[in-house]
Amino acid sequence: MKQVTLNGQPTQSDHSTVFELLNAHGLTQGRFAVEIDEMLVPKSRLTLTELKDGMSIEVVQAVGGG
C-alpha cells in the first residue's frame, strides 16, 4: 500500500498508476490538470506514470460558468 497526498489529503492506495488513483476518486471527468510533486503532467502521461510512495498529487478541475 502506497502513502500519497491527493489534493492535500493523505491517502493510501494500492493502484499502480496515477490515472487509476484519480479515476477511483472520480477526478478524471471533464477538463482537469494534474500536478505531481510540483510539476505539471500531461493527461496523456497519467496512464504511464507509476504511483509511488510519497507522491504529492494535485488535481484542478475546470468549471464553466460566468
PDB file of N, CA and C in Angstrom:
ATOM      1  N   MET A   1       0.851  -1.175   0.000  1.00  0.00           N
ATOM      2  CA  MET A   1       0.000   0.000   0.000  1.00  0.00           C
ATOM      3  C   MET A   1       0.900   1.242   0.000  1.00  0.00           C
ATOM      4  N   LYS A   2       0.615   2.149  -0.907  1.00  0.00           N
ATOM      5  CA  LYS A   2       1.416   3.369  -1.017  1.00  0.00           C
ATOM      6  C   LYS A   2       0.730   4.513  -0.280  1.00  0.00           C
ATOM      7  N   GLN A   3       1.512   5.353   0.354  1.00  0.00           N
ATOM      8  CA  GLN A   3       1.008   6.544   1.019  1.00  0.00           C
ATOM      9  C   GLN A   3       1.323   7.734   0.128  1.00  0.00           C
ATOM     10  N   VAL A   4       0.273   8.431  -0.354  1.00  0.00           N
ATOM     11  CA  VAL A   4       0.445   9.611  -1.194  1.00  0.00           C
ATOM     12  C   VAL A   4      -0.414  10.743  -0.623  1.00  0.00           C
ATOM     13  N   THR A   5      -0.184  11.929  -1.141  1.00  0.00           N
ATOM     14  CA  THR A   5      -1.029  13.065  -0.787  1.00  0.00           C
ATOM     15  C   THR A   5      -1.819  13.444  -2.024  1.00  0.00           C
ATOM     16  N   LEU A   6      -3.138  13.446  -1.905  1.00  0.00           N
ATOM     17  CA  LEU A   6      -4.022  13.777  -3.023  1.00  0.00           C
ATOM     18  C   LEU A   6      -4.834  15.002  -2.644  1.00  0.00           C
ATOM     19  N   ASN A   7      -4.597  16.091  -3.350  1.00  0.00           N
ATOM     20  CA  ASN A   7      -5.266  17.362  -3.069  1.00  0.00           C
ATOM     21  C   ASN A   7      -5.160  17.738  -1.595  1.00  0.00           C
ATOM     22  N   GLY A   8      -3.942  17.582  -1.055  1.00  0.00           N
ATOM     23  CA  GLY A   8      -3.673  17.990   0.313  1.00  0.00           C
ATOM     24  C   GLY A   8      -4.059  17.001   1.398  1.00  0.00           C
ATOM     25  N   GLN A   9      -4.658  15.869   1.007  1.00  0.00           N
ATOM     26  CA  GLN A   9      -5.110  14.881   1.984  1.00  0.00           C
ATOM     27  C   GLN A   9      -4.275  13.609   1.881  1.00  0.00           C
ATOM     28  N   PRO A  10      -3.766  13.113   3.016  1.00  0.00           N
ATOM     29  CA  PRO A  10      -3.050  11.833   2.994  1.00  0.00           C
ATOM     30  C   PRO A  10      -3.984  10.719   2.527  1.00  0.00           C
ATOM     31  N   THR A  11      -3.509   9.899   1.615  1.00  0.00           N
ATOM     32  CA  THR A  11      -4.318   8.841   1.023  1.00  0.00           C
ATOM     33  C   THR A  11      -3.472   7.586   0.867  1.00  0.00           C
ATOM     34  N   GLN A  12      -4.062   6.435   1.166  1.00  0.00           N
ATOM     35  CA  GLN A  12      -3.389   5.165   0.907  1.00  0.00           C
ATOM     36  C   GLN A  12      -3.996   4.549  -0.342  1.00  0.00           C
ATOM     37  N   SER A  13      -3.157   3.920  -1.143  1.00  0.00           N
ATOM     38  CA  SER A  13      -3.637   3.345  -2.399  1.00  0.00           C
ATOM     39  C   SER A  13      -2.805   2.131  -2.792  1.00  0.00           C
ATOM     40  N   ASP A  14      -3.476   1.169  -3.413  1.00  0.00           N
ATOM     41  CA  ASP A  14      -2.754   0.036  -3.982  1.00  0.00           C
ATOM     42  C   ASP A  14      -2.816   0.075  -5.513  1.00  0.00           C
ATOM     43  N   HIS A  15      -3.239   1.214  -6.084  1.00  0.00           N
ATOM     44  CA  HIS A  15      -3.259   1.377  -7.537  1.00  0.00           C
ATOM     45  C   HIS A  15      -1.829   1.447  -8.054  1.00  0.00           C
ATOM     46  N   SER A  16      -1.649   1.080  -9.320  1.00  0.00           N
ATOM     47  CA  SER A  16      -0.299   1.075  -9.873  1.00  0.00           C
ATOM     48  C   SER A  16       0.037   2.340 -10.661  1.00  0.00           C
ATOM     49  N   THR A  17      -0.980   3.068 -11.163  1.00  0.00           N
ATOM     50  CA  THR A  17      -0.701   4.303 -11.901  1.00  0.00           C
ATOM     51  C   THR A  17      -1.472   5.474 -11.298  1.00  0.00           C
ATOM     52  N   VAL A  18      -0.995   6.662 -11.603  1.00  0.00           N
ATOM     53  CA  VAL A  18      -1.676   7.869 -11.134  1.00  0.00           C
ATOM     54  C   VAL A  18      -3.083   7.926 -11.704  1.00  0.00           C
ATOM     55  N   PHE A  19      -3.252   7.568 -12.973  1.00  0.00           N
ATOM     56  CA  PHE A  19      -4.584   7.606 -13.582  1.00  0.00           C
ATOM     57  C   PHE A  19      -5.561   6.705 -12.832  1.00  0.00           C
ATOM     58  N   GLU A  20      -5.144   5.513 -12.459  1.00  0.00           N
ATOM     59  CA  GLU A  20      -6.035   4.592 -11.726  1.00  0.00           C
ATOM     60  C   GLU A  20      -6.486   5.209 -10.408  1.00  0.00           C
ATOM     61  N   LEU A  21      -5.567   5.854  -9.698  1.00  0.00           N
ATOM     62  CA  LEU A  21      -5.916   6.510  -8.436  1.00  0.00           C
ATOM     63  C   LEU A  21      -6.926   7.626  -8.668  1.00  0.00           C
ATOM     64  N   LEU A  22      -6.653   8.477  -9.649  1.00  0.00           N
ATOM     65  CA  LEU A  22      -7.549   9.602  -9.921  1.00  0.00           C
ATOM     66  C   LEU A  22      -8.918   9.120 -10.378  1.00  0.00           C
ATOM     67  N   ASN A  23      -8.939   8.095 -11.206  1.00  0.00           N
ATOM     68  CA  ASN A  23     -10.204   7.540 -11.689  1.00  0.00           C
ATOM     69  C   ASN A  23     -11.028   6.985 -10.530  1.00  0.00           C
ATOM     70  N   ALA A  24     -10.373   6.307  -9.589  1.00  0.00           N
ATOM     71  CA  ALA A  24     -11.067   5.739  -8.432  1.00  0.00           C
ATOM     72  C   ALA A  24     -11.682   6.830  -7.551  1.00  0.00           C
ATOM     73  N   HIS A  25     -11.099   8.018  -7.588  1.00  0.00           N
ATOM     74  CA  HIS A  25     -11.614   9.137  -6.799  1.00  0.00           C
ATOM     75  C   HIS A  25     -12.531  10.041  -7.617  1.00  0.00           C
ATOM     76  N   GLY A  26     -12.868   9.642  -8.843  1.00  0.00           N
ATOM     77  CA  GLY A  26     -13.775  10.416  -9.690  1.00  0.00           C
ATOM     78  C   GLY A  26     -13.182  11.731 -10.178  1.00  0.00           C
ATOM     79  N   LEU A  27     -11.881  11.781 -10.341  1.00  0.00           N
ATOM     80  CA  LEU A  27     -11.215  13.026 -10.727  1.00  0.00           C
ATOM     81  C   LEU A  27     -10.782  13.065 -12.183  1.00  0.00           C
ATOM     82  N   THR A  28     -11.278  12.144 -12.997  1.00  0.00           N
ATOM     83  CA  THR A  28     -10.863  12.109 -14.404  1.00  0.00           C
ATOM     84  C   THR A  28     -11.988  12.533 -15.348  1.00  0.00           C
ATOM     85  N   GLN A  29     -13.019  13.142 -14.811  1.00  0.00           N
ATOM     86  CA  GLN A  29     -14.140  13.571 -15.640  1.00  0.00           C
ATOM     87  C   GLN A  29     -13.940  15.019 -16.083  1.00  0.00           C
ATOM     88  N   GLY A  30     -14.344  15.328 -17.304  1.00  0.00           N
ATOM     89  CA  GLY A  30     -14.277  16.691 -17.804  1.00  0.00           C
ATOM     90  C   GLY A  30     -12.858  17.184 -17.993  1.00  0.00           C
ATOM     91  N   ARG A  31     -12.707  18.502 -17.844  1.00  0.00           N
ATOM     92  CA  ARG A  31     -11.401  19.130 -18.044  1.00  0.00           C
ATOM     93  C   ARG A  31     -10.693  19.233 -16.702  1.00  0.00           C
ATOM     94  N   PHE A  32      -9.449  18.770 -16.681  1.00  0.00           N
ATOM     95  CA  PHE A  32      -8.684  18.824 -15.438  1.00  0.00           C
ATOM     96  C   PHE A  32      -7.192  18.892 -15.739  1.00  0.00           C
ATOM     97  N   ALA A  33      -6.448  19.365 -14.763  1.00  0.00           N
ATOM     98  CA  ALA A  33      -4.992  19.433 -14.851  1.00  0.00           C
ATOM     99  C   ALA A  33      -4.412  18.739 -13.631  1.00  0.00           C
ATOM    100  N   VAL A  34      -3.263  18.112 -13.811  1.00  0.00           N
ATOM    101  CA  VAL A  34      -2.639  17.351 -12.728  1.00  0.00           C
ATOM    102  C   VAL A  34      -1.204  17.815 -12.520  1.00  0.00           C
ATOM    103  N   GLU A  35      -0.880  18.041 -11.261  1.00  0.00           N
ATOM    104  CA  GLU A  35       0.478  18.396 -10.866  1.00  0.00           C
ATOM    105  C   GLU A  35       0.972  17.311  -9.929  1.00  0.00           C
ATOM    106  N   ILE A  36       2.132  16.763 -10.223  1.00  0.00           N
ATOM    107  CA  ILE A  36       2.737  15.733  -9.378  1.00  0.00           C
ATOM    108  C   ILE A  36       4.077  16.276  -8.891  1.00  0.00           C
ATOM    109  N   ASP A  37       4.221  16.335  -7.583  1.00  0.00           N
ATOM    110  CA  ASP A  37       5.447  16.866  -6.975  1.00  0.00           C
ATOM    111  C   ASP A  37       5.842  18.200  -7.595  1.00  0.00           C
ATOM    112  N   GLU A  38       4.843  19.089  -7.726  1.00  0.00           N
ATOM    113  CA  GLU A  38       5.009  20.460  -8.221  1.00  0.00           C
ATOM    114  C   GLU A  38       5.383  20.561  -9.691  1.00  0.00           C
ATOM    115  N   MET A  39       5.139  19.494 -10.458  1.00  0.00           N
ATOM    116  CA  MET A  39       5.389  19.541 -11.899  1.00  0.00           C
ATOM    117  C   MET A  39       4.108  19.166 -12.646  1.00  0.00           C
ATOM    118  N   LEU A  40       3.709  20.001 -13.600  1.00  0.00           N
ATOM    119  CA  LEU A  40       2.522  19.734 -14.403  1.00  0.00           C
ATOM    120  C   LEU A  40       2.766  18.509 -15.274  1.00  0.00           C
ATOM    121  N   VAL A  41       1.808  17.571 -15.254  1.00  0.00           N
ATOM    122  CA  VAL A  41       1.942  16.333 -16.017  1.00  0.00           C
ATOM    123  C   VAL A  41       0.808  16.274 -17.048  1.00  0.00           C
ATOM    124  N   PRO A  42       1.128  16.100 -18.322  1.00  0.00           N
ATOM    125  CA  PRO A  42       0.079  16.000 -19.347  1.00  0.00           C
ATOM    126  C   PRO A  42      -0.837  14.797 -19.077  1.00  0.00           C
ATOM    127  N   LYS A  43      -2.125  14.971 -19.355  1.00  0.00           N
ATOM    128  CA  LYS A  43      -3.089  13.879 -19.145  1.00  0.00           C
ATOM    129  C   LYS A  43      -2.687  12.626 -19.914  1.00  0.00           C
ATOM    130  N   SER A  44      -2.073  12.808 -21.061  1.00  0.00           N
ATOM    131  CA  SER A  44      -1.677  11.660 -21.878  1.00  0.00           C
ATOM    132  C   SER A  44      -0.620  10.796 -21.193  1.00  0.00           C
ATOM    133  N   ARG A  45       0.047  11.315 -20.172  1.00  0.00           N
ATOM    134  CA  ARG A  45       1.097  10.564 -19.480  1.00  0.00           C
ATOM    135  C   ARG A  45       0.601   9.905 -18.191  1.00  0.00           C
ATOM    136  N   LEU A  46      -0.611  10.215 -17.764  1.00  0.00           N
ATOM    137  CA  LEU A  46      -1.091   9.722 -16.468  1.00  0.00           C
ATOM    138  C   LEU A  46      -1.218   8.203 -16.410  1.00  0.00           C
ATOM    139  N   THR A  47      -1.582   7.572 -17.515  1.00  0.00           N
ATOM    140  CA  THR A  47      -1.702   6.107 -17.515  1.00  0.00           C
ATOM    141  C   THR A  47      -0.330   5.441 -17.505  1.00  0.00           C
ATOM    142  N   LEU A  48       0.719   6.204 -17.831  1.00  0.00           N
ATOM    143  CA  LEU A  48       2.082   5.673 -17.860  1.00  0.00           C
ATOM    144  C   LEU A  48       2.874   6.037 -16.602  1.00  0.00           C
ATOM    145  N   THR A  49       2.309   6.928 -15.775  1.00  0.00           N
ATOM    146  CA  THR A  49       3.021   7.412 -14.593  1.00  0.00           C
ATOM    147  C   THR A  49       2.759   6.494 -13.410  1.00  0.00           C
ATOM    148  N   GLU A  50       3.812   5.835 -12.966  1.00  0.00           N
ATOM    149  CA  GLU A  50       3.710   4.890 -11.855  1.00  0.00           C
ATOM    150  C   GLU A  50       3.425   5.636 -10.561  1.00  0.00           C
ATOM    151  N   LEU A  51       2.462   5.132  -9.800  1.00  0.00           N
ATOM    152  CA  LEU A  51       2.147   5.698  -8.493  1.00  0.00           C
ATOM    153  C   LEU A  51       3.222   5.250  -7.510  1.00  0.00           C
ATOM    154  N   LYS A  52       3.863   6.235  -6.872  1.00  0.00           N
ATOM    155  CA  LYS A  52       4.973   5.924  -5.968  1.00  0.00           C
ATOM    156  C   LYS A  52       4.695   6.465  -4.574  1.00  0.00           C
ATOM    157  N   ASP A  53       5.205   5.766  -3.594  1.00  0.00           N
ATOM    158  CA  ASP A  53       5.064   6.170  -2.210  1.00  0.00           C
ATOM    159  C   ASP A  53       5.630   7.580  -2.028  1.00  0.00           C
ATOM    160  N   GLY A  54       4.873   8.432  -1.348  1.00  0.00           N
ATOM    161  CA  GLY A  54       5.331   9.783  -1.049  1.00  0.00           C
ATOM    162  C   GLY A  54       4.968  10.839  -2.071  1.00  0.00           C
ATOM    163  N   MET A  55       4.331  10.460  -3.178  1.00  0.00           N
ATOM    164  CA  MET A  55       3.959  11.430  -4.206  1.00  0.00           C
ATOM    165  C   MET A  55       2.963  12.445  -3.643  1.00  0.00           C
ATOM    166  N   SER A  56       3.077  13.666  -4.143  1.00  0.00           N
ATOM    167  CA  SER A  56       2.107  14.706  -3.851  1.00  0.00           C
ATOM    168  C   SER A  56       1.390  15.037  -5.150  1.00  0.00           C
ATOM    169  N   ILE A  57       0.085  14.787  -5.196  1.00  0.00           N
ATOM    170  CA  ILE A  57      -0.698  14.941  -6.430  1.00  0.00           C
ATOM    171  C   ILE A  57      -1.792  15.973  -6.193  1.00  0.00           C
ATOM    172  N   GLU A  58      -1.839  16.973  -7.062  1.00  0.00           N
ATOM    173  CA  GLU A  58      -2.883  17.995  -7.001  1.00  0.00           C
ATOM    174  C   GLU A  58      -3.660  17.948  -8.309  1.00  0.00           C
ATOM    175  N   VAL A  59      -4.987  17.957  -8.193  1.00  0.00           N
ATOM    176  CA  VAL A  59      -5.851  17.927  -9.374  1.00  0.00           C
ATOM    177  C   VAL A  59      -6.743  19.158  -9.332  1.00  0.00           C
ATOM    178  N   VAL A  60      -6.755  19.885 -10.445  1.00  0.00           N
ATOM    179  CA  VAL A  60      -7.616  21.064 -10.567  1.00  0.00           C
ATOM    180  C   VAL A  60      -8.605  20.776 -11.679  1.00  0.00           C
ATOM    181  N   GLN A  61      -9.893  20.940 -11.371  1.00  0.00           N
ATOM    182  CA  GLN A  61     -10.928  20.696 -12.372  1.00  0.00           C
ATOM    183  C   GLN A  61     -11.474  22.023 -12.870  1.00  0.00           C
ATOM    184  N   ALA A  62     -11.597  22.152 -14.187  1.00  0.00           N
ATOM    185  CA  ALA A  62     -12.143  23.364 -14.794  1.00  0.00           C
ATOM    186  C   ALA A  62     -13.660  23.361 -14.635  1.00  0.00           C
ATOM    187  N   VAL A  63     -14.189  24.510 -14.227  1.00  0.00           N
ATOM    188  CA  VAL A  63     -15.626  24.656 -14.029  1.00  0.00           C
ATOM    189  C   VAL A  63     -16.098  25.794 -14.921  1.00  0.00           C
ATOM    190  N   GLY A  64     -17.102  25.503 -15.752  1.00  0.00           N
ATOM    191  CA  GLY A  64     -17.645  26.517 -16.631  1.00  0.00           C
ATOM    192  C   GLY A  64     -18.605  27.442 -15.898  1.00  0.00           C
ATOM    193  N   GLY A  65     -18.863  28.550 -16.481  1.00  0.00           N
ATOM    194  CA  GLY A  65     -19.813  29.475 -15.868  1.00  0.00           C
ATOM    195  C   GLY A  65     -19.438  30.893 -16.213  1.00  0.00           C
ATOM    196  N   GLY A  66     -20.221  31.795 -15.699  1.00  0.00           N
ATOM    197  CA  GLY A  66     -19.874  33.182 -15.993  1.00  0.00           C
ATOM    198  C   GLY A  66     -20.766  34.134 -15.313  1.00  0.00           C
TER     199      GLY A  66
END
